[in-house]
Amino acid sequence: MGAPGIIGNSCAAPAGGAVYPPHTVQVVAPDMVLNVNERKTVVYRSGGETEEFLLEEDDDLLMHKAFIHGVQTGEQAGILCNFDDALRTLAVTLACQQSAEQGRPVLLNELL
């Protein structure tokens, strides 16, 4: 048993904006459908009941606070990716950008 899906991600897409695909994930399960976006989750049950859960705090703000706290204190508990992995992810991103700009492969050890 499987499920079809599409997930799109772009820093150019405004939160909640009307872009394709919209910033919504729809999960279809037995007896219910969930619509999830940046601010709320709506559960539609087969009996016709609807339940809505609103986001109480801004996820971006929480993420930035956890990062700043981690940098200031060296504690990584609130960060879902350790600093070494984050550095390597940044190196891959920069290598891709430089490769596109320079028209040549860029090795990670050139950046780390």
N, C-alpha and C. Protein backbone atom coordinates (compact mmCIF):
# COMPACT_ATOMS: atom_id res chain seq x y z
N MET A 1 0.84 -1.17 0.00
CA MET A 1 0.00 0.00 0.00
C MET A 1 0.89 1.23 0.00
N GLY A 2 0.60 2.17 -0.84
CA GLY A 2 1.41 3.37 -0.93
C GLY A 2 0.54 4.60 -0.98
N ALA A 3 1.18 5.74 -1.10
CA ALA A 3 0.45 7.00 -1.17
C ALA A 3 1.16 7.93 -2.14
N PRO A 4 0.40 8.50 -3.09
CA PRO A 4 1.01 9.48 -3.98
C PRO A 4 1.17 10.80 -3.24
N GLY A 5 2.16 11.56 -3.62
CA GLY A 5 2.33 12.86 -2.98
C GLY A 5 3.31 13.72 -3.73
N ILE A 6 3.26 14.99 -3.43
CA ILE A 6 4.23 15.93 -3.97
C ILE A 6 4.55 16.93 -2.87
N ILE A 7 5.81 17.23 -2.70
CA ILE A 7 6.22 18.24 -1.74
C ILE A 7 7.10 19.22 -2.49
N GLY A 8 6.73 20.47 -2.46
CA GLY A 8 7.51 21.52 -3.11
C GLY A 8 8.09 22.44 -2.05
N ASN A 9 9.28 22.96 -2.33
CA ASN A 9 9.94 23.83 -1.36
C ASN A 9 10.68 24.92 -2.13
N SER A 10 10.46 26.15 -1.73
CA SER A 10 11.16 27.24 -2.39
C SER A 10 11.24 28.43 -1.44
N CYS A 11 12.42 29.02 -1.34
CA CYS A 11 12.55 30.22 -0.50
C CYS A 11 11.85 31.41 -1.16
N ALA A 12 11.51 31.29 -2.44
CA ALA A 12 10.85 32.38 -3.14
C ALA A 12 9.34 32.36 -2.95
N ALA A 13 8.80 31.27 -2.41
CA ALA A 13 7.36 31.14 -2.23
C ALA A 13 6.95 31.78 -0.91
N PRO A 14 6.04 32.75 -0.94
CA PRO A 14 5.63 33.39 0.30
C PRO A 14 4.80 32.44 1.15
N ALA A 15 4.94 32.52 2.46
CA ALA A 15 4.17 31.66 3.36
C ALA A 15 2.69 31.89 3.14
N GLY A 16 1.98 30.82 2.88
CA GLY A 16 0.54 30.91 2.67
C GLY A 16 0.14 31.50 1.34
N GLY A 17 1.12 31.79 0.48
CA GLY A 17 0.83 32.40 -0.81
C GLY A 17 0.23 31.42 -1.79
N ALA A 18 -0.44 31.92 -2.78
CA ALA A 18 -1.08 31.08 -3.79
C ALA A 18 -0.05 30.72 -4.86
N VAL A 19 0.76 29.73 -4.57
CA VAL A 19 1.75 29.25 -5.52
C VAL A 19 1.49 27.77 -5.77
N TYR A 20 2.03 27.22 -6.84
CA TYR A 20 1.87 25.80 -7.07
C TYR A 20 3.18 25.10 -6.78
N PRO A 21 3.23 24.04 -6.02
CA PRO A 21 2.09 23.58 -5.24
C PRO A 21 1.91 24.48 -4.03
N PRO A 22 0.67 24.61 -3.54
CA PRO A 22 0.47 25.48 -2.37
C PRO A 22 1.18 24.91 -1.16
N HIS A 23 1.39 25.73 -0.17
CA HIS A 23 2.06 25.31 1.06
C HIS A 23 1.08 24.50 1.91
N THR A 24 0.66 23.39 1.40
CA THR A 24 -0.28 22.53 2.11
C THR A 24 0.11 21.08 1.85
N VAL A 25 0.04 20.29 2.88
CA VAL A 25 0.19 18.85 2.73
C VAL A 25 -1.16 18.25 3.08
N GLN A 26 -1.66 17.43 2.21
CA GLN A 26 -2.93 16.75 2.46
C GLN A 26 -2.64 15.28 2.70
N VAL A 27 -3.09 14.77 3.83
CA VAL A 27 -2.91 13.38 4.18
C VAL A 27 -4.27 12.71 4.16
N VAL A 28 -4.41 11.66 3.34
CA VAL A 28 -5.66 10.92 3.26
C VAL A 28 -5.45 9.61 3.99
N ALA A 29 -6.27 9.39 4.99
CA ALA A 29 -6.16 8.18 5.81
C ALA A 29 -7.55 7.58 5.97
N PRO A 30 -7.62 6.34 6.42
CA PRO A 30 -8.95 5.75 6.63
C PRO A 30 -9.78 6.63 7.57
N ASP A 31 -10.94 6.99 7.13
CA ASP A 31 -11.92 7.75 7.91
C ASP A 31 -11.55 9.20 8.19
N MET A 32 -10.50 9.72 7.56
CA MET A 32 -10.18 11.14 7.76
C MET A 32 -9.26 11.67 6.67
N VAL A 33 -9.27 12.99 6.53
CA VAL A 33 -8.34 13.72 5.67
C VAL A 33 -7.78 14.86 6.51
N LEU A 34 -6.46 15.04 6.45
CA LEU A 34 -5.82 16.14 7.17
C LEU A 34 -5.24 17.12 6.16
N ASN A 35 -5.53 18.39 6.34
CA ASN A 35 -4.90 19.45 5.56
C ASN A 35 -3.97 20.20 6.50
N VAL A 36 -2.68 20.20 6.18
CA VAL A 36 -1.67 20.80 7.05
C VAL A 36 -0.95 21.90 6.30
N ASN A 37 -0.87 23.09 6.90
CA ASN A 37 -0.06 24.16 6.32
C ASN A 37 0.75 24.82 7.42
N GLU A 38 1.35 25.98 7.14
CA GLU A 38 2.26 26.62 8.09
C GLU A 38 1.58 27.08 9.36
N ARG A 39 0.30 27.32 9.33
CA ARG A 39 -0.38 27.94 10.46
C ARG A 39 -1.42 27.07 11.14
N LYS A 40 -1.91 26.02 10.44
CA LYS A 40 -2.96 25.22 11.07
C LYS A 40 -3.05 23.83 10.43
N THR A 41 -3.71 22.95 11.15
CA THR A 41 -4.05 21.63 10.65
C THR A 41 -5.56 21.48 10.79
N VAL A 42 -6.20 21.05 9.71
CA VAL A 42 -7.63 20.82 9.74
C VAL A 42 -7.85 19.33 9.49
N VAL A 43 -8.64 18.71 10.38
CA VAL A 43 -8.95 17.28 10.27
C VAL A 43 -10.41 17.16 9.86
N TYR A 44 -10.64 16.49 8.74
CA TYR A 44 -11.99 16.22 8.26
C TYR A 44 -12.26 14.73 8.48
N ARG A 45 -13.23 14.42 9.32
CA ARG A 45 -13.55 13.02 9.62
C ARG A 45 -14.71 12.54 8.76
N SER A 46 -14.76 11.23 8.53
CA SER A 46 -15.77 10.66 7.63
C SER A 46 -17.19 10.92 8.11
N GLY A 47 -17.41 11.12 9.40
CA GLY A 47 -18.74 11.40 9.92
C GLY A 47 -19.18 12.84 9.71
N GLY A 48 -18.31 13.66 9.11
CA GLY A 48 -18.64 15.05 8.84
C GLY A 48 -18.08 16.03 9.85
N GLU A 49 -17.48 15.52 10.95
CA GLU A 49 -16.90 16.43 11.93
C GLU A 49 -15.61 17.04 11.39
N THR A 50 -15.38 18.28 11.77
CA THR A 50 -14.16 18.98 11.40
C THR A 50 -13.50 19.49 12.67
N GLU A 51 -12.19 19.34 12.76
CA GLU A 51 -11.44 19.82 13.90
C GLU A 51 -10.26 20.63 13.38
N GLU A 52 -10.01 21.77 13.98
CA GLU A 52 -8.94 22.66 13.53
C GLU A 52 -7.96 22.92 14.68
N PHE A 53 -6.66 22.81 14.36
CA PHE A 53 -5.60 23.07 15.32
C PHE A 53 -4.75 24.22 14.78
N LEU A 54 -4.72 25.32 15.51
CA LEU A 54 -3.95 26.48 15.07
C LEU A 54 -2.56 26.44 15.69
N LEU A 55 -1.57 26.90 14.93
CA LEU A 55 -0.21 27.00 15.43
C LEU A 55 -0.17 28.10 16.48
N GLU A 56 0.36 27.78 17.65
CA GLU A 56 0.39 28.75 18.73
C GLU A 56 1.61 29.65 18.69
N GLU A 57 2.71 29.16 18.10
CA GLU A 57 3.92 29.97 18.03
C GLU A 57 4.47 29.92 16.61
N ASP A 58 5.20 30.92 16.24
CA ASP A 58 5.80 31.03 14.92
C ASP A 58 7.00 30.08 14.83
N ASP A 59 6.91 29.06 13.96
CA ASP A 59 7.99 28.08 13.82
C ASP A 59 9.32 28.72 13.44
N ASP A 60 9.28 29.69 12.54
CA ASP A 60 10.53 30.36 12.12
C ASP A 60 11.18 31.07 13.30
N LEU A 61 10.38 31.75 14.11
CA LEU A 61 10.91 32.46 15.26
C LEU A 61 11.54 31.47 16.25
N LEU A 62 10.86 30.35 16.51
CA LEU A 62 11.40 29.34 17.41
C LEU A 62 12.71 28.76 16.89
N MET A 63 12.77 28.53 15.57
CA MET A 63 13.99 27.98 14.96
C MET A 63 15.15 28.97 15.10
N HIS A 64 14.89 30.25 14.83
CA HIS A 64 15.94 31.25 14.94
C HIS A 64 16.41 31.42 16.39
N LYS A 65 15.46 31.39 17.33
CA LYS A 65 15.84 31.51 18.75
C LYS A 65 16.72 30.33 19.18
N ALA A 66 16.35 29.12 18.75
CA ALA A 66 17.14 27.94 19.11
C ALA A 66 18.54 28.04 18.52
N PHE A 67 18.65 28.51 17.28
CA PHE A 67 19.96 28.65 16.64
C PHE A 67 20.83 29.68 17.38
N ILE A 68 20.24 30.84 17.66
CA ILE A 68 21.00 31.89 18.34
C ILE A 68 21.45 31.41 19.72
N HIS A 69 20.56 30.75 20.44
CA HIS A 69 20.92 30.21 21.76
C HIS A 69 22.06 29.20 21.62
N GLY A 70 21.98 28.34 20.60
CA GLY A 70 23.03 27.34 20.38
C GLY A 70 24.38 27.97 20.08
N VAL A 71 24.39 29.01 19.27
CA VAL A 71 25.64 29.69 18.94
C VAL A 71 26.19 30.41 20.17
N GLN A 72 25.31 31.06 20.94
CA GLN A 72 25.77 31.80 22.11
C GLN A 72 26.31 30.89 23.21
N THR A 73 25.68 29.71 23.39
CA THR A 73 26.02 28.86 24.53
C THR A 73 26.79 27.60 24.15
N GLY A 74 26.76 27.23 22.86
CA GLY A 74 27.37 25.98 22.44
C GLY A 74 26.46 24.77 22.65
N GLU A 75 25.30 24.98 23.25
CA GLU A 75 24.33 23.90 23.47
C GLU A 75 23.56 23.64 22.18
N GLN A 76 23.47 22.37 21.81
CA GLN A 76 22.79 22.03 20.56
C GLN A 76 21.47 21.31 20.79
N ALA A 77 21.01 21.23 22.04
CA ALA A 77 19.82 20.44 22.36
C ALA A 77 18.58 20.91 21.60
N GLY A 78 18.42 22.21 21.40
CA GLY A 78 17.24 22.71 20.71
C GLY A 78 17.35 22.73 19.21
N ILE A 79 18.47 22.27 18.69
CA ILE A 79 18.71 22.29 17.24
C ILE A 79 18.63 20.86 16.72
N LEU A 80 17.86 20.67 15.67
CA LEU A 80 17.62 19.32 15.16
C LEU A 80 18.76 18.78 14.31
N CYS A 81 19.73 19.61 13.99
CA CYS A 81 20.88 19.20 13.19
C CYS A 81 22.12 19.74 13.90
N ASN A 82 23.11 18.87 14.11
CA ASN A 82 24.29 19.39 14.83
C ASN A 82 25.08 20.35 13.94
N PHE A 83 25.96 21.12 14.57
CA PHE A 83 26.68 22.16 13.84
C PHE A 83 27.57 21.59 12.73
N ASP A 84 28.16 20.43 12.95
CA ASP A 84 29.01 19.83 11.91
C ASP A 84 28.19 19.48 10.66
N ASP A 85 27.00 18.90 10.86
CA ASP A 85 26.14 18.59 9.72
C ASP A 85 25.69 19.87 9.01
N ALA A 86 25.38 20.90 9.80
CA ALA A 86 24.96 22.17 9.21
C ALA A 86 26.08 22.78 8.37
N LEU A 87 27.32 22.70 8.86
CA LEU A 87 28.46 23.23 8.11
C LEU A 87 28.63 22.48 6.79
N ARG A 88 28.51 21.16 6.83
CA ARG A 88 28.65 20.36 5.60
C ARG A 88 27.51 20.67 4.63
N THR A 89 26.30 20.88 5.14
CA THR A 89 25.17 21.24 4.28
C THR A 89 25.42 22.57 3.60
N LEU A 90 25.94 23.53 4.35
CA LEU A 90 26.28 24.83 3.77
C LEU A 90 27.36 24.67 2.71
N ALA A 91 28.36 23.83 2.98
CA ALA A 91 29.44 23.61 2.00
C ALA A 91 28.89 23.02 0.71
N VAL A 92 27.96 22.07 0.81
CA VAL A 92 27.36 21.48 -0.39
C VAL A 92 26.60 22.55 -1.17
N THR A 93 25.84 23.38 -0.45
CA THR A 93 25.08 24.45 -1.11
C THR A 93 26.01 25.43 -1.82
N LEU A 94 27.07 25.85 -1.14
CA LEU A 94 28.02 26.79 -1.75
C LEU A 94 28.77 26.15 -2.91
N ALA A 95 29.11 24.87 -2.79
CA ALA A 95 29.80 24.18 -3.89
C ALA A 95 28.91 24.12 -5.13
N CYS A 96 27.63 23.85 -4.94
CA CYS A 96 26.69 23.83 -6.08
C CYS A 96 26.63 25.20 -6.74
N GLN A 97 26.53 26.25 -5.93
CA GLN A 97 26.46 27.61 -6.47
C GLN A 97 27.75 27.96 -7.22
N GLN A 98 28.90 27.70 -6.62
CA GLN A 98 30.17 28.01 -7.28
C GLN A 98 30.35 27.19 -8.54
N SER A 99 29.94 25.94 -8.51
CA SER A 99 30.05 25.10 -9.69
C SER A 99 29.24 25.66 -10.85
N ALA A 100 28.03 26.11 -10.55
CA ALA A 100 27.18 26.71 -11.59
C ALA A 100 27.79 28.00 -12.12
N GLU A 101 28.35 28.80 -11.23
CA GLU A 101 28.95 30.07 -11.65
C GLU A 101 30.24 29.88 -12.44
N GLN A 102 31.06 28.88 -12.04
CA GLN A 102 32.39 28.69 -12.63
C GLN A 102 32.41 27.63 -13.73
N GLY A 103 31.32 26.88 -13.86
CA GLY A 103 31.26 25.85 -14.90
C GLY A 103 32.23 24.70 -14.69
N ARG A 104 32.50 24.37 -13.43
CA ARG A 104 33.42 23.28 -13.12
C ARG A 104 32.97 22.62 -11.81
N PRO A 105 33.39 21.38 -11.61
CA PRO A 105 33.08 20.75 -10.32
C PRO A 105 33.84 21.47 -9.19
N VAL A 106 33.18 21.64 -8.07
CA VAL A 106 33.80 22.23 -6.89
C VAL A 106 33.80 21.18 -5.80
N LEU A 107 34.97 20.84 -5.30
CA LEU A 107 35.10 19.82 -4.25
C LEU A 107 34.82 20.42 -2.88
N LEU A 108 34.20 19.64 -2.01
CA LEU A 108 33.87 20.13 -0.67
C LEU A 108 35.13 20.54 0.10
N ASN A 109 36.24 19.83 -0.10
CA ASN A 109 37.44 20.19 0.66
C ASN A 109 37.99 21.55 0.24
N GLU A 110 37.52 22.11 -0.88
CA GLU A 110 37.89 23.47 -1.24
C GLU A 110 37.19 24.49 -0.34
N LEU A 111 36.10 24.07 0.28
CA LEU A 111 35.30 24.99 1.08
C LEU A 111 35.38 24.73 2.58
N LEU A 112 35.82 23.54 2.96
CA LEU A 112 35.86 23.21 4.39
C LEU A 112 37.25 23.40 4.97
